[in-house]
Amino acid sequence: MPYRTIIRNILWMLTERGAQIAGGIAVSGLLARSLGAAQFGLFQYAQSLVFLAASLTLLCGSEVVVPRLVGKTEAEQRTVIAHAFVLRLAAAAVAYAALAIYVIGFAESELVAVALWLGVALWFREPAGIVIAWLQARTFNRPSVAANLCGLGVKLALVALLFVTHAGVAAFALVYAVEAVVAAALLVRYYFRHSPKTPVIWRRTLLVDLLSSGMTFWGGLMLMILFKRIDQLVLKPLIPLAELGAYAAAMQITENFVLVAPIIANSLAPQLIFQTFDNATARRNTVRAVWLMVAAGACLAMPIALLAPWIVHLIYGAGFAESAQILRVSALMGILVFADAALNLTLIRRGAGRWVIAKWLCAAVVAFTVVRGLAPHFGALAGAFGYGAGYAAALVLGVWLLRRD
């Protein structure tokens, strides 16, 4: 495959990631300014519930589908895609049903409409995302990037309109559903216009194979998502809603800047680790990658920590002043995310699925313990401490595995 094609594909993915980061921060700023700290906290908590439910839809991910598409005939590709779509749609139905049962049966009334509208995206993102797997197998990500950017553009425009009209929190949740529908419609349209009209041969064995292969990755992904949202889930009943909103505002910035970590790590991986067959050399290169990632994380985290009050005021306004201290701590903790991204490469190289599960389970347990124990004394700041402690635990396990390799 020509290097120009690979580089062009990477640039498209980087463009999408950059736009998603900038758009995510802009949307968060408009939401926070329009809703205020308490309602923004409610909105972010609803998003955490949906994010957790979304883990159920990852049952047949790209890491399972893409290898089965590469090198296959177009007829076989269409059959695999149809089977994977059915599995993803069934998982989406289960996820939305679980979300609806929880919020209707156990959550406060003002949360119900917000969570249910946000949850509509579950029906579209992963099922239509099978087209993205098909495009990845063809090393042609531009259509998926264009679809996602169109959805993001619609969301930005609608959020800006609702901001001007001082709409309620449920209306903003509806916008997220519209974004998912727009992106999914564009992806499906592209697939049906450019895929062959070959018949799908339904095979029970293929469904079982996709399901069993997906289960290998699903446990680790679900625990990772649980860890990334456990701070807000634990804090919600322990602190005032306005304080939760201030915490969520700070973490939105941190979560967006650490999205750079896997991009850098994946750029280092082929030369430093994956093309090295000697274990000792791979271990030395992994250590080198960790220090490079720590340096990259520090270069991003330090300015954010130093300029935290100015950044918070610029994005969220004067009503979120207490987010600045949380942002300082969470940004510095974000350096650990960069180190972890480098150590993740060791797990990928080993193909150690059970250790991925152990890692995120350990991180989730540590984060839960720290947040639950410190929240009565430190309030929302306990969430940032738990975030850092969870990644520190993951790093300890990663270093132990590296020494054991």
Protein backbone atom coordinates (compact mmCIF):
# COMPACT_ATOMS: atom_id res chain seq x y z
CA MET A 1 0.00 0.00 0.00
CA PRO A 2 1.50 3.40 -0.95
CA TYR A 3 2.76 5.44 1.99
CA ARG A 4 0.92 8.47 0.58
CA THR A 5 -2.41 6.67 1.09
CA ILE A 6 -1.50 5.72 4.67
CA ILE A 7 -0.36 9.26 5.52
CA ARG A 8 -3.48 10.77 3.95
CA ASN A 9 -5.64 8.39 5.99
CA ILE A 10 -3.82 9.33 9.22
CA LEU A 11 -4.22 13.04 8.45
CA TRP A 12 -7.97 12.59 7.99
CA MET A 13 -8.21 10.82 11.36
CA LEU A 14 -6.14 13.55 13.04
CA THR A 15 -8.38 16.19 11.46
CA GLU A 16 -11.45 14.49 12.89
CA ARG A 17 -9.86 14.12 16.34
CA GLY A 18 -8.82 17.79 16.38
CA ALA A 19 -12.28 18.91 15.29
CA GLN A 20 -13.95 16.68 17.89
CA ILE A 21 -11.73 18.12 20.64
CA ALA A 22 -12.36 21.74 19.61
CA GLY A 23 -16.06 21.11 19.01
CA GLY A 24 -16.44 19.24 22.30
CA ILE A 25 -14.93 22.11 24.27
CA ALA A 26 -17.08 24.67 22.42
CA VAL A 27 -20.28 22.69 23.05
CA SER A 28 -19.38 22.20 26.73
CA GLY A 29 -18.77 25.92 27.12
CA LEU A 30 -22.12 26.86 25.58
CA LEU A 31 -23.94 24.21 27.63
CA ALA A 32 -22.34 25.32 30.88
CA ARG A 33 -23.02 29.01 30.27
CA SER A 34 -26.63 28.35 29.28
CA LEU A 35 -27.57 25.80 31.96
CA GLY A 36 -25.54 26.93 34.97
CA ALA A 37 -23.46 24.69 37.22
CA ALA A 38 -26.30 22.61 38.73
CA GLN A 39 -28.10 21.79 35.46
CA PHE A 40 -24.76 21.23 33.71
CA GLY A 41 -23.88 18.74 36.43
CA LEU A 42 -27.19 16.95 35.85
CA PHE A 43 -26.53 16.85 32.10
CA GLN A 44 -23.03 15.44 32.57
CA TYR A 45 -24.30 12.81 35.01
CA ALA A 46 -26.89 11.74 32.42
CA GLN A 47 -24.10 11.51 29.85
CA SER A 48 -22.13 9.29 32.23
CA LEU A 49 -25.11 6.92 32.51
CA VAL A 50 -25.43 6.79 28.71
CA PHE A 51 -21.67 6.31 28.34
CA LEU A 52 -21.87 3.36 30.72
CA ALA A 53 -24.84 1.88 28.84
CA ALA A 54 -22.89 2.33 25.60
CA SER A 55 -20.33 -0.18 26.84
CA LEU A 56 -22.94 -2.87 26.18
CA THR A 57 -22.96 -1.93 22.47
CA LEU A 58 -19.23 -2.67 22.07
CA LEU A 59 -19.87 -6.40 21.90
CA CYS A 60 -18.72 -6.71 18.27
CA GLY A 61 -16.10 -4.00 17.90
CA SER A 62 -13.87 -3.03 14.99
CA GLU A 63 -10.99 -5.09 16.37
CA VAL A 64 -13.17 -8.16 15.70
CA VAL A 65 -14.79 -7.09 12.41
CA VAL A 66 -11.92 -5.44 10.50
CA PRO A 67 -9.63 -8.53 10.39
CA ARG A 68 -12.55 -10.52 8.94
CA LEU A 69 -13.03 -7.97 6.16
CA VAL A 70 -9.43 -7.51 5.04
CA GLY A 71 -8.60 -9.57 1.95
CA LYS A 72 -12.13 -10.98 1.59
CA THR A 73 -14.36 -10.83 -1.48
CA GLU A 74 -17.03 -8.13 -1.59
CA ALA A 75 -19.76 -10.75 -1.18
CA GLU A 76 -18.11 -12.17 1.95
CA GLN A 77 -17.55 -8.65 3.32
CA ARG A 78 -21.24 -7.84 2.91
CA THR A 79 -22.18 -11.03 4.77
CA VAL A 80 -19.83 -10.25 7.67
CA ILE A 81 -21.10 -6.66 7.86
CA ALA A 82 -24.74 -7.78 7.95
CA HIS A 83 -24.08 -10.25 10.78
CA ALA A 84 -22.07 -7.70 12.77
CA PHE A 85 -24.82 -5.10 12.26
CA VAL A 86 -27.44 -7.47 13.68
CA LEU A 87 -25.30 -8.13 16.76
CA ARG A 88 -24.65 -4.42 17.30
CA LEU A 89 -28.32 -3.52 16.87
CA ALA A 90 -29.36 -6.20 19.37
CA ALA A 91 -26.74 -4.92 21.83
CA ALA A 92 -28.03 -1.36 21.32
CA ALA A 93 -31.58 -2.50 22.12
CA VAL A 94 -30.39 -4.16 25.34
CA ALA A 95 -28.34 -1.09 26.29
CA TYR A 96 -31.22 1.35 25.74
CA ALA A 97 -33.65 -0.91 27.61
CA ALA A 98 -31.26 -1.14 30.58
CA LEU A 99 -30.80 2.65 30.57
CA ALA A 100 -34.55 3.27 30.39
CA ILE A 101 -35.33 0.82 33.20
CA TYR A 102 -32.76 2.44 35.47
CA VAL A 103 -33.66 6.10 34.90
CA ILE A 104 -37.43 5.53 34.94
CA GLY A 105 -37.34 3.24 37.95
CA PHE A 106 -34.57 4.68 40.10
CA ALA A 107 -33.45 8.16 38.97
CA GLU A 108 -34.98 11.51 39.83
CA SER A 109 -37.69 12.76 37.47
CA GLU A 110 -35.67 15.65 35.99
CA LEU A 111 -33.03 13.17 34.81
CA VAL A 112 -35.40 10.89 32.87
CA ALA A 113 -35.99 12.97 29.72
CA VAL A 114 -32.34 14.04 29.50
CA ALA A 115 -30.98 10.48 29.75
CA LEU A 116 -33.55 9.01 27.37
CA TRP A 117 -32.88 11.62 24.68
CA LEU A 118 -29.12 11.23 25.06
CA GLY A 119 -29.59 7.47 24.91
CA VAL A 120 -31.19 7.63 21.46
CA ALA A 121 -27.63 7.81 20.10
CA LEU A 122 -27.13 4.21 21.28
CA TRP A 123 -29.40 3.02 18.46
CA PHE A 124 -27.26 4.69 15.80
CA ARG A 125 -23.59 5.04 16.76
CA GLU A 126 -22.38 1.42 16.98
CA PRO A 127 -24.86 -0.17 14.52
CA ALA A 128 -24.09 2.41 11.80
CA GLY A 129 -20.47 2.37 12.92
CA ILE A 130 -20.10 -0.97 11.14
CA VAL A 131 -19.63 1.15 8.01
CA ILE A 132 -16.58 2.72 9.68
CA ALA A 133 -15.11 -0.77 10.17
CA TRP A 134 -15.71 -1.45 6.47
CA LEU A 135 -13.92 1.78 5.56
CA GLN A 136 -11.03 0.98 7.92
CA ALA A 137 -10.56 -2.36 6.17
CA ARG A 138 -10.26 -0.40 2.90
CA THR A 139 -7.87 2.14 4.55
CA PHE A 140 -10.20 4.92 3.45
CA ASN A 141 -11.46 6.89 6.43
CA ARG A 142 -12.43 10.10 4.66
CA PRO A 143 -16.17 9.30 4.29
CA SER A 144 -16.50 8.43 7.99
CA VAL A 145 -14.61 11.58 8.98
CA ALA A 146 -16.87 13.67 6.74
CA ALA A 147 -20.01 12.06 8.22
CA ASN A 148 -18.87 12.63 11.80
CA LEU A 149 -17.83 16.21 11.09
CA CYS A 150 -21.22 16.92 9.49
CA GLY A 151 -22.91 15.56 12.60
CA LEU A 152 -20.64 17.71 14.77
CA GLY A 153 -21.42 20.78 12.66
CA VAL A 154 -25.17 20.21 13.05
CA LYS A 155 -24.72 19.79 16.81
CA LEU A 156 -22.70 23.00 17.12
CA ALA A 157 -25.28 24.96 15.13
CA LEU A 158 -28.22 23.62 17.14
CA VAL A 159 -26.48 24.11 20.50
CA ALA A 160 -25.68 27.71 19.52
CA LEU A 161 -29.34 28.24 18.57
CA LEU A 162 -30.57 26.77 21.86
CA PHE A 163 -28.02 28.88 23.74
CA VAL A 164 -29.42 32.05 22.18
CA THR A 165 -33.02 31.01 22.89
CA HIS A 166 -32.25 29.95 26.51
CA ALA A 167 -33.67 26.44 25.99
CA GLY A 168 -34.05 23.85 28.74
CA VAL A 169 -31.71 20.97 29.47
CA ALA A 170 -33.83 18.33 27.66
CA ALA A 171 -33.63 20.30 24.41
CA PHE A 172 -29.83 20.15 24.51
CA ALA A 173 -30.04 16.37 25.03
CA LEU A 174 -32.20 16.10 21.90
CA VAL A 175 -29.38 17.73 19.91
CA TYR A 176 -27.06 14.81 20.72
CA ALA A 177 -29.66 12.42 19.30
CA VAL A 178 -29.90 14.51 16.12
CA GLU A 179 -26.11 14.45 15.75
CA ALA A 180 -26.06 10.64 15.92
CA VAL A 181 -28.90 10.34 13.39
CA VAL A 182 -27.18 12.68 10.91
CA ALA A 183 -23.82 10.88 11.09
CA ALA A 184 -25.46 7.44 10.86
CA ALA A 185 -27.62 8.44 7.89
CA LEU A 186 -24.59 9.72 5.96
CA LEU A 187 -22.58 6.56 6.71
CA VAL A 188 -25.40 4.21 5.68
CA ARG A 189 -26.07 6.24 2.53
CA TYR A 190 -22.41 6.02 1.53
CA TYR A 191 -22.32 2.26 2.15
CA PHE A 192 -25.37 1.49 0.04
CA ARG A 193 -24.11 3.71 -2.79
CA HIS A 194 -20.62 2.15 -2.90
CA SER A 195 -21.05 -1.46 -1.76
CA PRO A 196 -21.95 -4.30 -4.12
CA LYS A 197 -25.55 -5.52 -4.22
CA THR A 198 -24.61 -9.10 -3.44
CA PRO A 199 -26.99 -11.29 -1.39
CA VAL A 200 -26.29 -11.84 2.30
CA ILE A 201 -25.83 -15.48 3.29
CA TRP A 202 -27.01 -15.83 6.89
CA ARG A 203 -24.93 -18.25 8.94
CA ARG A 204 -25.51 -19.02 12.59
CA THR A 205 -21.87 -20.09 12.96
CA LEU A 206 -20.66 -16.64 11.86
CA LEU A 207 -22.90 -14.94 14.42
CA VAL A 208 -21.54 -17.19 17.16
CA ASP A 209 -17.95 -16.63 16.00
CA LEU A 210 -18.33 -12.83 15.99
CA LEU A 211 -20.02 -12.92 19.38
CA SER A 212 -17.42 -15.16 21.03
CA SER A 213 -14.51 -13.16 19.55
CA GLY A 214 -16.10 -9.90 20.66
CA MET A 215 -16.50 -11.14 24.23
CA THR A 216 -12.70 -11.37 24.49
CA PHE A 217 -12.36 -7.60 24.10
CA TRP A 218 -15.72 -6.56 25.56
CA GLY A 219 -14.88 -7.21 29.21
CA GLY A 220 -11.84 -4.95 29.11
CA LEU A 221 -13.68 -2.21 27.20
CA MET A 222 -16.61 -2.25 29.62
CA LEU A 223 -14.33 -1.98 32.66
CA MET A 224 -12.37 0.83 31.00
CA ILE A 225 -15.58 2.80 30.42
CA LEU A 226 -16.71 2.10 33.98
CA PHE A 227 -13.40 3.45 35.29
CA LYS A 228 -13.64 6.60 33.18
CA ARG A 229 -17.09 7.43 34.58
CA ILE A 230 -16.90 6.03 38.09
CA ASP A 231 -15.82 9.41 39.51
CA GLN A 232 -19.07 11.17 38.53
CA LEU A 233 -21.22 8.16 39.41
CA VAL A 234 -19.75 8.07 42.93
CA LEU A 235 -19.72 11.85 43.44
CA LYS A 236 -23.36 12.42 42.39
CA PRO A 237 -25.00 11.37 45.71
CA LEU A 238 -22.17 12.79 47.85
CA ILE A 239 -21.84 16.42 46.71
CA PRO A 240 -24.22 19.21 45.62
CA LEU A 241 -25.25 19.18 41.96
CA ALA A 242 -23.59 22.57 41.33
CA GLU A 243 -20.29 21.22 42.64
CA LEU A 244 -20.66 18.18 40.38
CA GLY A 245 -21.17 20.59 37.48
CA ALA A 246 -17.95 22.42 38.35
CA TYR A 247 -16.12 19.09 38.48
CA ALA A 248 -17.57 17.91 35.16
CA ALA A 249 -16.56 21.19 33.52
CA ALA A 250 -12.93 20.76 34.57
CA MET A 251 -12.84 17.11 33.54
CA GLN A 252 -14.24 17.96 30.10
CA ILE A 253 -11.07 19.94 29.41
CA THR A 254 -8.78 17.24 30.82
CA GLU A 255 -10.52 14.43 28.93
CA ASN A 256 -10.20 16.37 25.68
CA PHE A 257 -6.49 17.11 25.99
CA VAL A 258 -5.58 13.51 26.94
CA LEU A 259 -7.20 12.32 23.70
CA VAL A 260 -3.86 13.23 22.14
CA ALA A 261 -2.13 10.43 24.11
CA PRO A 262 -3.24 7.41 22.02
CA ILE A 263 -2.44 9.29 18.80
CA ILE A 264 1.17 9.86 19.91
CA ALA A 265 1.49 6.34 21.32
CA ASN A 266 0.19 4.72 18.13
CA SER A 267 2.67 6.79 16.13
CA LEU A 268 5.57 5.49 18.24
CA ALA A 269 4.39 1.88 18.37
CA PRO A 270 5.31 0.49 14.92
CA GLN A 271 8.98 1.52 14.94
CA LEU A 272 9.76 1.22 18.65
CA ILE A 273 7.80 -1.87 19.68
CA PHE A 274 5.78 -3.81 17.11
CA GLN A 275 8.66 -4.26 14.63
CA THR A 276 11.02 -5.44 17.40
CA PHE A 277 11.25 -9.21 17.85
CA ASP A 278 13.74 -9.26 20.71
CA ASN A 279 12.02 -8.97 24.11
CA ALA A 280 14.88 -7.10 25.78
CA THR A 281 14.97 -4.49 23.01
CA ALA A 282 11.19 -4.16 23.05
CA ARG A 283 11.29 -3.62 26.82
CA ARG A 284 13.96 -0.91 26.53
CA ASN A 285 12.02 0.77 23.74
CA THR A 286 8.83 0.65 25.81
CA VAL A 287 10.61 2.40 28.68
CA ARG A 288 11.86 5.00 26.19
CA ALA A 289 8.31 5.42 24.86
CA VAL A 290 6.99 5.90 28.41
CA TRP A 291 9.44 8.74 29.06
CA LEU A 292 8.68 10.33 25.70
CA MET A 293 4.97 10.16 26.50
CA VAL A 294 5.51 11.61 29.99
CA ALA A 295 7.42 14.50 28.43
CA ALA A 296 4.66 15.07 25.87
CA GLY A 297 1.99 14.93 28.59
CA ALA A 298 3.91 17.36 30.79
CA CYS A 299 4.31 19.82 27.89
CA LEU A 300 0.52 19.89 27.55
CA ALA A 301 -0.48 19.55 31.21
CA MET A 302 1.80 22.18 32.74
CA PRO A 303 0.49 25.15 30.70
CA ILE A 304 -3.11 24.01 31.31
CA ALA A 305 -2.46 23.78 35.06
CA LEU A 306 -0.77 27.19 35.17
CA LEU A 307 -3.46 28.89 33.09
CA ALA A 308 -6.40 26.99 34.64
CA PRO A 309 -8.31 30.06 35.97
CA TRP A 310 -8.02 31.87 32.64
CA ILE A 311 -9.00 28.75 30.63
CA VAL A 312 -12.04 28.06 32.82
CA HIS A 313 -13.20 31.68 32.63
CA LEU A 314 -12.72 31.75 28.85
CA ILE A 315 -14.73 28.57 28.22
CA TYR A 316 -17.30 28.49 31.01
CA GLY A 317 -17.52 32.01 32.39
CA ALA A 318 -17.39 33.41 35.93
CA GLY A 319 -19.97 30.94 37.27
CA PHE A 320 -17.46 28.08 37.21
CA ALA A 321 -14.55 29.65 39.10
CA GLU A 322 -14.18 26.65 41.43
CA SER A 323 -13.46 24.45 38.39
CA ALA A 324 -9.99 26.03 38.14
CA GLN A 325 -8.49 24.18 41.12
CA ILE A 326 -10.00 20.89 39.94
CA LEU A 327 -8.58 21.50 36.45
CA ARG A 328 -5.11 22.13 37.92
CA VAL A 329 -5.12 18.77 39.69
CA SER A 330 -6.78 16.77 36.90
CA ALA A 331 -4.48 18.22 34.22
CA LEU A 332 -1.39 17.15 36.18
CA MET A 333 -2.97 13.73 36.74
CA GLY A 334 -3.41 13.60 32.97
CA ILE A 335 0.35 13.04 32.61
CA LEU A 336 -0.29 9.54 33.97
CA VAL A 337 -2.67 8.93 31.05
CA PHE A 338 0.18 9.57 28.61
CA ALA A 339 2.46 7.12 30.44
CA ASP A 340 -0.33 4.53 30.51
CA ALA A 341 -0.86 4.90 26.74
CA ALA A 342 2.77 3.85 26.22
CA LEU A 343 2.51 0.88 28.58
CA ASN A 344 -0.68 -0.20 26.80
CA LEU A 345 1.51 -1.04 23.82
CA THR A 346 3.06 -3.85 25.86
CA LEU A 347 -0.37 -5.39 26.45
CA ILE A 348 -1.20 -5.10 22.75
CA ARG A 349 2.12 -6.68 21.78
CA ARG A 350 1.54 -9.57 24.18
CA GLY A 351 -2.11 -9.97 23.15
CA ALA A 352 -2.83 -10.21 26.87
CA GLY A 353 -6.62 -9.86 26.97
CA ARG A 354 -6.98 -11.10 30.55
CA TRP A 355 -4.43 -8.53 31.75
CA VAL A 356 -6.39 -5.74 30.07
CA ILE A 357 -9.41 -6.82 32.13
CA ALA A 358 -7.27 -7.02 35.29
CA LYS A 359 -5.80 -3.60 34.64
CA TRP A 360 -9.09 -1.74 34.25
CA LEU A 361 -10.72 -3.67 37.09
CA CYS A 362 -7.84 -2.65 39.36
CA ALA A 363 -8.07 0.98 38.19
CA ALA A 364 -11.85 1.08 38.75
CA VAL A 365 -11.61 -0.41 42.26
CA VAL A 366 -8.84 2.00 43.29
CA ALA A 367 -10.69 5.01 41.83
CA PHE A 368 -13.93 4.03 43.57
CA THR A 369 -12.16 3.59 46.92
CA VAL A 370 -10.31 6.92 46.68
CA VAL A 371 -13.31 8.96 45.53
CA ARG A 372 -15.66 7.37 48.07
CA GLY A 373 -13.17 7.88 50.91
CA LEU A 374 -12.06 11.43 50.10
CA ALA A 375 -15.33 12.99 48.89
CA PRO A 376 -16.58 13.84 52.42
CA HIS A 377 -13.35 15.77 53.07
CA PHE A 378 -12.37 17.21 49.67
CA GLY A 379 -15.68 17.39 47.82
CA ALA A 380 -15.44 17.34 44.03
CA LEU A 381 -11.64 17.43 44.17
CA ALA A 382 -11.80 13.80 45.34
CA GLY A 383 -12.88 12.87 41.81
CA ALA A 384 -9.61 14.22 40.37
CA PHE A 385 -7.62 12.36 43.04
CA GLY A 386 -9.50 9.15 42.20
CA TYR A 387 -8.87 9.72 38.49
CA GLY A 388 -5.13 9.98 39.13
CA ALA A 389 -5.06 7.09 41.62
CA GLY A 390 -6.81 4.80 39.14
CA TYR A 391 -4.29 5.54 36.42
CA ALA A 392 -1.44 5.16 38.93
CA ALA A 393 -2.73 1.68 39.78
CA ALA A 394 -2.91 0.85 36.07
CA LEU A 395 0.69 2.04 35.68
CA VAL A 396 1.89 -0.13 38.55
CA LEU A 397 0.33 -3.19 36.90
CA GLY A 398 1.78 -2.15 33.53
CA VAL A 399 5.30 -1.76 34.94
CA TRP A 400 5.03 -5.14 36.67
CA LEU A 401 4.00 -6.78 33.39
CA LEU A 402 6.85 -5.03 31.57
CA ARG A 403 9.40 -6.37 34.05
CA ARG A 404 7.78 -9.81 33.85
CA ASP A 405 7.86 -9.85 30.03
